[in-house]
Amino acid sequence: MPIIKSAKKALRQNIRRRKINLKRKADLKSIIKQYKKLVSSNKDEAKKYLAQVYKKLDKSAKVNLIKKNKASRLKSRLSALLK
């Protein structure tokens, strides 16, 4: 456990940020999973839903939840699933 005051604050921040990051990552995974289900069942709905998936990926890359290249790679692969 930290002893220094600034280290205690850093620990609190890390705990708070970890909680937020885990939630964001779970949301991202669920939205991708939902898109993959739509692709297999309903292509028209999946095409409309793709914009939401792109938005979520871009936001995740913007806040450094995932790297920019991973976001673009996922976008490419997910759009290829539709074709």
Protein backbone atom coordinates (compact mmCIF):
# COMPACT_ATOMS: atom_id res chain seq x y z
CA MET A 1 0.00 0.00 0.00
CA PRO A 2 1.21 3.51 -0.78
CA ILE A 3 2.49 5.65 2.05
CA ILE A 4 3.10 8.98 0.31
CA LYS A 5 0.07 11.23 -0.16
CA SER A 6 0.53 11.60 -3.94
CA ALA A 7 0.86 7.83 -4.31
CA LYS A 8 -2.40 7.33 -2.41
CA LYS A 9 -4.13 9.76 -4.77
CA ALA A 10 -2.61 8.02 -7.80
CA LEU A 11 -3.95 4.70 -6.52
CA ARG A 12 -7.44 6.17 -6.16
CA GLN A 13 -7.25 7.54 -9.69
CA ASN A 14 -6.04 4.21 -11.07
CA ILE A 15 -8.90 2.34 -9.41
CA ARG A 16 -11.44 4.82 -10.77
CA ARG A 17 -9.98 4.75 -14.28
CA ARG A 18 -9.74 0.96 -14.31
CA LYS A 19 -13.44 0.68 -13.50
CA ILE A 20 -14.31 3.07 -16.33
CA ASN A 21 -11.99 1.33 -18.80
CA LEU A 22 -13.37 -2.12 -17.99
CA LYS A 23 -16.92 -0.87 -18.59
CA ARG A 24 -15.95 0.76 -21.88
CA LYS A 25 -14.14 -2.36 -23.03
CA ALA A 26 -17.12 -4.54 -22.13
CA ASP A 27 -19.45 -2.19 -24.04
CA LEU A 28 -17.19 -2.35 -27.06
CA LYS A 29 -17.05 -6.15 -27.00
CA SER A 30 -20.82 -6.43 -26.63
CA ILE A 31 -21.52 -4.05 -29.51
CA ILE A 32 -19.15 -6.04 -31.76
CA LYS A 33 -20.76 -9.30 -30.67
CA GLN A 34 -24.22 -7.92 -31.40
CA TYR A 35 -23.07 -6.78 -34.85
CA LYS A 36 -21.70 -10.25 -35.65
CA LYS A 37 -25.07 -11.78 -34.71
CA LEU A 38 -26.84 -9.31 -37.00
CA VAL A 39 -24.52 -10.15 -39.88
CA SER A 40 -25.39 -13.81 -39.63
CA SER A 41 -29.13 -13.21 -39.37
CA ASN A 42 -30.10 -9.88 -40.96
CA LYS A 43 -27.77 -8.11 -43.41
CA ASP A 44 -29.89 -4.96 -43.79
CA GLU A 45 -30.01 -4.31 -40.05
CA ALA A 46 -26.29 -5.06 -39.81
CA LYS A 47 -25.53 -2.47 -42.48
CA LYS A 48 -27.36 0.19 -40.44
CA TYR A 49 -25.72 -0.95 -37.21
CA LEU A 50 -22.22 -0.77 -38.72
CA ALA A 51 -22.14 3.03 -38.28
CA GLN A 52 -22.68 2.63 -34.53
CA VAL A 53 -19.90 0.07 -34.34
CA TYR A 54 -17.57 2.43 -36.22
CA LYS A 55 -18.46 5.26 -33.86
CA LYS A 56 -17.73 3.13 -30.79
CA LEU A 57 -14.39 1.97 -32.23
CA ASP A 58 -13.33 5.51 -33.10
CA LYS A 59 -14.24 6.81 -29.66
CA SER A 60 -12.34 3.94 -28.03
CA ALA A 61 -9.25 4.75 -30.08
CA LYS A 62 -9.60 8.45 -29.28
CA VAL A 63 -9.49 7.88 -25.52
CA ASN A 64 -6.67 5.32 -25.90
CA LEU A 65 -8.77 2.38 -24.80
CA ILE A 66 -7.50 0.58 -27.87
CA LYS A 67 -4.81 1.62 -30.32
CA LYS A 68 -5.70 3.51 -33.47
CA ASN A 69 -4.44 0.72 -35.72
CA LYS A 70 -6.49 -1.91 -33.88
CA ALA A 71 -9.61 0.19 -34.37
CA SER A 72 -8.99 0.49 -38.10
CA ARG A 73 -8.16 -3.22 -38.36
CA LEU A 74 -11.41 -4.16 -36.60
CA LYS A 75 -13.39 -1.77 -38.78
CA SER A 76 -11.92 -3.39 -41.87
CA ARG A 77 -12.60 -6.92 -40.69
CA LEU A 78 -16.14 -6.14 -39.56
CA SER A 79 -17.02 -4.50 -42.86
CA ALA A 80 -15.54 -7.49 -44.71
CA LEU A 81 -17.94 -9.75 -42.77
CA LEU A 82 -20.86 -7.88 -44.31
CA LYS A 83 -19.70 -8.52 -47.89
